[in-house]
N, C-alpha and C. Protein backbone atom coordinates (compact mmCIF):
# COMPACT_ATOMS: atom_id res chain seq x y z
N MET A 1 131.86 88.96 67.22
CA MET A 1 131.03 89.53 68.44
C MET A 1 130.08 88.37 68.67
N PRO A 2 130.55 87.90 69.72
CA PRO A 2 129.54 87.12 70.83
C PRO A 2 128.25 87.99 70.72
N GLU A 3 126.75 86.64 70.99
CA GLU A 3 125.91 87.13 71.74
C GLU A 3 125.87 87.89 72.80
N GLY A 4 126.05 87.15 73.72
CA GLY A 4 126.47 88.46 74.88
C GLY A 4 126.88 89.89 75.18
N GLU A 5 127.91 89.55 74.01
CA GLU A 5 128.55 91.18 74.05
C GLU A 5 127.87 91.86 73.13
N THR A 6 127.25 91.42 72.01
CA THR A 6 126.24 92.30 71.16
C THR A 6 125.20 92.65 72.17
N GLU A 7 124.53 91.81 72.84
CA GLU A 7 123.16 92.19 73.75
C GLU A 7 123.56 93.41 74.63
N SER A 8 124.81 93.20 75.20
CA SER A 8 125.36 94.68 76.44
C SER A 8 125.23 95.26 75.55
N ARG A 9 125.70 95.77 74.97
CA ARG A 9 125.86 96.55 73.56
C ARG A 9 124.67 97.43 72.83
N LYS A 10 123.75 96.37 72.69
CA LYS A 10 122.75 96.90 72.91
C LYS A 10 121.72 97.83 74.32
N GLN A 11 122.17 97.27 75.00
CA GLN A 11 121.38 97.90 76.27
C GLN A 11 122.32 99.31 76.74
N THR A 12 123.85 99.53 76.24
CA THR A 12 124.58 99.94 75.84
C THR A 12 124.19 101.29 75.46
N ILE A 13 124.01 101.37 74.03
CA ILE A 13 123.23 101.97 73.20
C ILE A 13 121.81 102.75 73.71
N GLN A 14 120.97 101.87 74.13
CA GLN A 14 119.62 102.20 74.68
C GLN A 14 119.93 102.67 76.22
N ARG A 15 120.89 102.56 76.47
CA ARG A 15 120.63 103.26 78.14
C ARG A 15 121.29 105.16 76.69
N ILE A 16 121.92 105.13 76.67
CA ILE A 16 123.05 106.28 76.05
C ILE A 16 121.25 107.17 75.52
N ASN A 17 120.55 106.59 74.66
CA ASN A 17 119.72 106.88 73.65
C ASN A 17 118.69 107.94 75.51
N ARG A 18 118.33 107.18 76.17
CA ARG A 18 117.74 107.32 76.96
C ARG A 18 118.07 108.63 77.72
N ILE A 19 119.52 108.79 78.01
CA ILE A 19 119.74 110.03 78.69
C ILE A 19 120.37 111.13 78.07
N GLN A 20 120.29 110.65 76.72
CA GLN A 20 120.28 111.98 75.51
C GLN A 20 118.74 112.43 75.19
N GLY A 21 118.02 111.51 75.43
CA GLY A 21 116.42 112.57 75.61
C GLY A 21 116.23 113.00 77.41
N GLN A 22 116.41 112.64 78.11
CA GLN A 22 116.69 113.25 79.31
C GLN A 22 117.03 114.20 79.91
N LEU A 23 118.62 114.71 78.74
CA LEU A 23 119.91 115.93 78.53
C LEU A 23 117.96 116.86 77.91
N ASN A 24 117.38 116.03 76.37
CA ASN A 24 117.19 116.65 75.61
C ASN A 24 115.25 117.82 76.17
N SER A 25 115.29 117.17 77.23
CA SER A 25 113.76 117.59 77.67
C SER A 25 114.29 118.21 79.18
N LEU A 26 115.84 118.29 79.52
CA LEU A 26 116.21 119.46 80.21
C LEU A 26 116.51 120.26 80.16
N LYS A 27 117.45 120.30 78.67
CA LYS A 27 117.60 121.72 78.03
C LYS A 27 115.79 122.41 77.50
N THR A 28 115.40 121.84 77.21
CA THR A 28 113.75 122.35 77.36
C THR A 28 112.94 123.45 78.07
N ALA A 29 113.55 122.35 78.87
CA ALA A 29 112.84 123.10 80.50
C ALA A 29 113.49 124.26 81.14
N ILE A 30 114.62 124.46 80.53
CA ILE A 30 115.73 125.53 80.91
C ILE A 30 114.77 126.98 79.76
N GLU A 31 115.31 126.38 78.32
CA GLU A 31 114.80 126.90 77.36
C GLU A 31 112.82 127.84 77.55
N ASN A 32 112.52 126.75 78.32
CA ASN A 32 110.96 127.27 79.11
C ASN A 32 111.04 128.16 80.44
N ASP A 33 111.98 127.51 80.79
CA ASP A 33 112.09 129.00 81.79
C ASP A 33 111.43 128.07 83.26
N ARG A 34 111.25 126.93 83.15
CA ARG A 34 111.01 126.10 84.36
C ARG A 34 111.41 126.68 85.65
N ASP A 35 111.02 126.14 86.72
CA ASP A 35 111.43 126.51 88.12
C ASP A 35 112.57 125.48 88.40
N CYS A 36 113.76 125.98 88.96
CA CYS A 36 114.67 125.41 89.53
C CYS A 36 114.48 124.65 89.93
N GLU A 37 114.22 124.03 90.85
CA GLU A 37 113.33 122.66 91.71
C GLU A 37 113.07 122.23 90.41
N TYR A 38 112.43 122.24 89.67
CA TYR A 38 111.94 120.65 88.65
C TYR A 38 113.71 121.03 87.90
N LEU A 39 114.37 121.61 87.63
CA LEU A 39 115.32 121.30 87.22
C LEU A 39 116.28 120.57 87.09
N VAL A 40 116.67 121.57 89.28
CA VAL A 40 117.56 120.55 89.52
C VAL A 40 116.96 118.48 90.14
N THR A 41 116.01 118.42 90.11
CA THR A 41 115.07 116.89 90.17
C THR A 41 115.56 116.47 88.36
N GLN A 42 115.14 117.07 87.42
CA GLN A 42 115.66 116.51 86.16
C GLN A 42 117.32 116.47 86.13
N ALA A 43 118.12 117.14 86.18
CA ALA A 43 119.11 117.15 86.29
C ALA A 43 119.80 115.60 87.25
N HIS A 44 119.35 115.16 88.58
CA HIS A 44 120.24 114.44 89.37
C HIS A 44 119.14 113.29 88.95
N THR A 45 118.36 113.00 88.17
CA THR A 45 117.56 111.95 87.43
C THR A 45 118.52 111.57 86.29
N ILE A 46 119.44 112.98 86.33
CA ILE A 46 120.68 112.43 84.39
C ILE A 46 121.55 112.00 85.31
N GLU A 47 121.97 112.14 86.53
CA GLU A 47 123.49 112.23 87.35
C GLU A 47 123.28 110.74 87.82
N LYS A 48 122.29 110.13 87.73
CA LYS A 48 121.87 108.84 88.10
C LYS A 48 121.85 108.31 87.28
N ALA A 49 121.20 108.33 86.16
CA ALA A 49 121.28 107.23 84.91
C ALA A 49 122.82 107.04 84.40
N LEU A 50 122.99 108.50 84.32
CA LEU A 50 125.12 108.31 84.55
C LEU A 50 125.70 107.75 84.79
N SER A 51 125.70 107.24 86.16
CA SER A 51 125.78 106.35 87.08
C SER A 51 125.81 105.29 86.90
N SER A 52 124.48 104.77 86.29
CA SER A 52 123.87 103.48 86.13
C SER A 52 124.88 103.43 85.20
N LEU A 53 124.99 104.15 83.99
CA LEU A 53 125.77 103.71 82.51
C LEU A 53 127.03 103.23 82.91
N ILE A 54 128.03 104.01 83.52
CA ILE A 54 128.80 103.33 84.18
C ILE A 54 129.34 101.64 84.83
N ILE A 55 127.86 102.07 85.49
CA ILE A 55 128.23 100.71 85.77
C ILE A 55 127.95 99.25 85.37
N HIS A 56 126.96 100.22 84.29
CA HIS A 56 126.54 98.78 83.22
C HIS A 56 127.85 98.52 82.37
N MET A 57 128.52 99.65 82.12
CA MET A 57 129.26 99.32 80.45
C MET A 57 131.11 98.50 81.91
N VAL A 58 130.77 99.06 83.34
CA VAL A 58 132.81 97.87 83.50
C VAL A 58 131.57 96.66 83.77
N GLU A 59 130.13 96.44 84.28
CA GLU A 59 129.94 95.49 84.20
C GLU A 59 130.23 94.43 82.67
N GLY A 60 129.94 95.18 81.90
CA GLY A 60 129.97 94.57 80.72
C GLY A 60 131.66 94.07 80.71
N TYR A 61 132.39 94.82 80.63
CA TYR A 61 133.49 94.41 80.80
C TYR A 61 134.19 93.71 81.35
N ILE A 62 134.40 93.40 82.51
CA ILE A 62 134.27 91.92 83.47
C ILE A 62 133.47 91.39 82.94
N GLU A 63 132.20 90.73 82.21
CA GLU A 63 131.96 89.94 81.83
C GLU A 63 132.55 89.23 80.53
N HIS A 64 132.50 90.24 80.05
CA HIS A 64 132.84 89.68 78.28
C HIS A 64 134.22 90.26 78.38
N GLN A 65 135.35 91.02 78.25
CA GLN A 65 136.71 90.86 78.33
C GLN A 65 137.40 90.32 79.15
N ALA A 66 137.55 91.38 80.43
CA ALA A 66 137.99 90.52 81.56
C ALA A 66 138.94 89.05 81.89
N LYS A 67 136.96 88.63 81.94
CA LYS A 67 136.90 86.85 81.77
C LYS A 67 138.48 86.68 80.60
N ILE A 68 138.18 87.18 79.56
CA ILE A 68 139.42 86.02 78.82
C ILE A 68 140.49 86.47 78.69
N LEU A 69 140.74 87.89 79.52
CA LEU A 69 142.15 88.37 80.10
C LEU A 69 142.52 87.49 80.88
N VAL A 70 141.85 87.23 82.01
CA VAL A 70 141.77 86.23 83.22
C VAL A 70 143.15 85.09 82.73
N HIS A 71 142.46 84.66 81.84
CA HIS A 71 143.01 83.43 81.93
C HIS A 71 144.57 84.02 80.81
N GLU A 72 144.52 85.22 80.41
CA GLU A 72 145.99 84.84 79.86
C GLU A 72 147.00 85.49 80.42
N ASP A 73 146.44 86.35 80.94
CA ASP A 73 147.31 87.65 82.20
C ASP A 73 146.73 87.80 83.03
N ALA A 74 146.79 87.00 84.24
CA ALA A 74 145.63 87.23 85.27
C ALA A 74 146.43 88.29 86.35
N GLU A 75 147.50 89.07 86.04
CA GLU A 75 147.68 89.96 86.98
C GLU A 75 147.29 91.32 85.77
N GLU A 76 146.82 91.86 84.63
CA GLU A 76 146.77 92.41 83.07
C GLU A 76 145.45 92.73 83.93
N ALA A 77 145.03 91.67 84.15
CA ALA A 77 143.48 91.66 84.56
C ALA A 77 142.76 92.47 85.58
N LEU A 78 143.68 91.84 86.51
CA LEU A 78 143.12 92.96 87.19
C LEU A 78 143.71 94.65 87.76
N ARG A 79 144.41 93.99 87.05
CA ARG A 79 145.00 95.88 86.98
C ARG A 79 144.31 96.40 86.12
N SER A 80 143.93 95.91 85.01
CA SER A 80 142.54 96.39 84.50
C SER A 80 141.26 97.58 85.22
N ILE A 81 140.82 96.02 85.62
CA ILE A 81 139.60 95.38 86.91
C ILE A 81 139.59 97.17 88.28
N LYS A 82 141.36 97.46 88.72
CA LYS A 82 141.34 98.25 89.39
C LYS A 82 140.89 99.46 88.49
N ARG A 83 141.64 99.52 87.32
CA ARG A 83 141.86 100.53 87.43
C ARG A 83 140.60 101.37 86.27
N LEU A 84 139.26 100.36 86.56
CA LEU A 84 138.30 100.79 86.03
C LEU A 84 137.55 101.29 87.21
N PHE A 85 137.74 100.47 88.31
CA PHE A 85 137.12 100.43 89.62
C PHE A 85 137.36 102.34 90.24
N GLU A 86 138.61 102.72 89.98
CA GLU A 86 138.91 104.02 90.35
C GLU A 86 138.37 104.84 89.35
N LEU A 87 138.48 104.78 88.01
CA LEU A 87 137.86 105.72 87.12
C LEU A 87 136.25 106.09 87.16
N SER A 88 135.58 105.01 87.93
CA SER A 88 134.33 105.03 88.21
C SER A 88 133.86 105.86 89.76
N HIS A 89 135.03 105.89 90.13
CA HIS A 89 134.77 106.27 91.51
C HIS A 89 135.60 107.97 92.16
N ARG A 90 135.56 108.70 90.72
CA ARG A 90 136.51 109.62 90.76
C ARG A 90 134.88 110.60 91.09
C-alpha cells in the first residue's frame, strides 16, 4: 500500500476514534442527566464530525483510487465519483 494511502487510513481511524470518544461522552452526559441544550450541542458536534469524516473518505477515494481508475476507465471513474457524491449528500 502506498505511503499516502497508509497516512490517509491512519487519519480516518483517528477521526473514527475521536467520534467514538464523542459518542461515549454524549452517552455519559445522558446517563448523568445533563440538560438538553448541552446534549443537543454535543450531538451537533458529532454530526459535524461525521460529515467531516465522509468528506475525508471521499477525498481519499478520489486521491488514491479514482486517480488510477481514470487512466483505466474514465467513464467508470466518473460514475463512481458521482455515486459517492450522491451518497454523501443524502
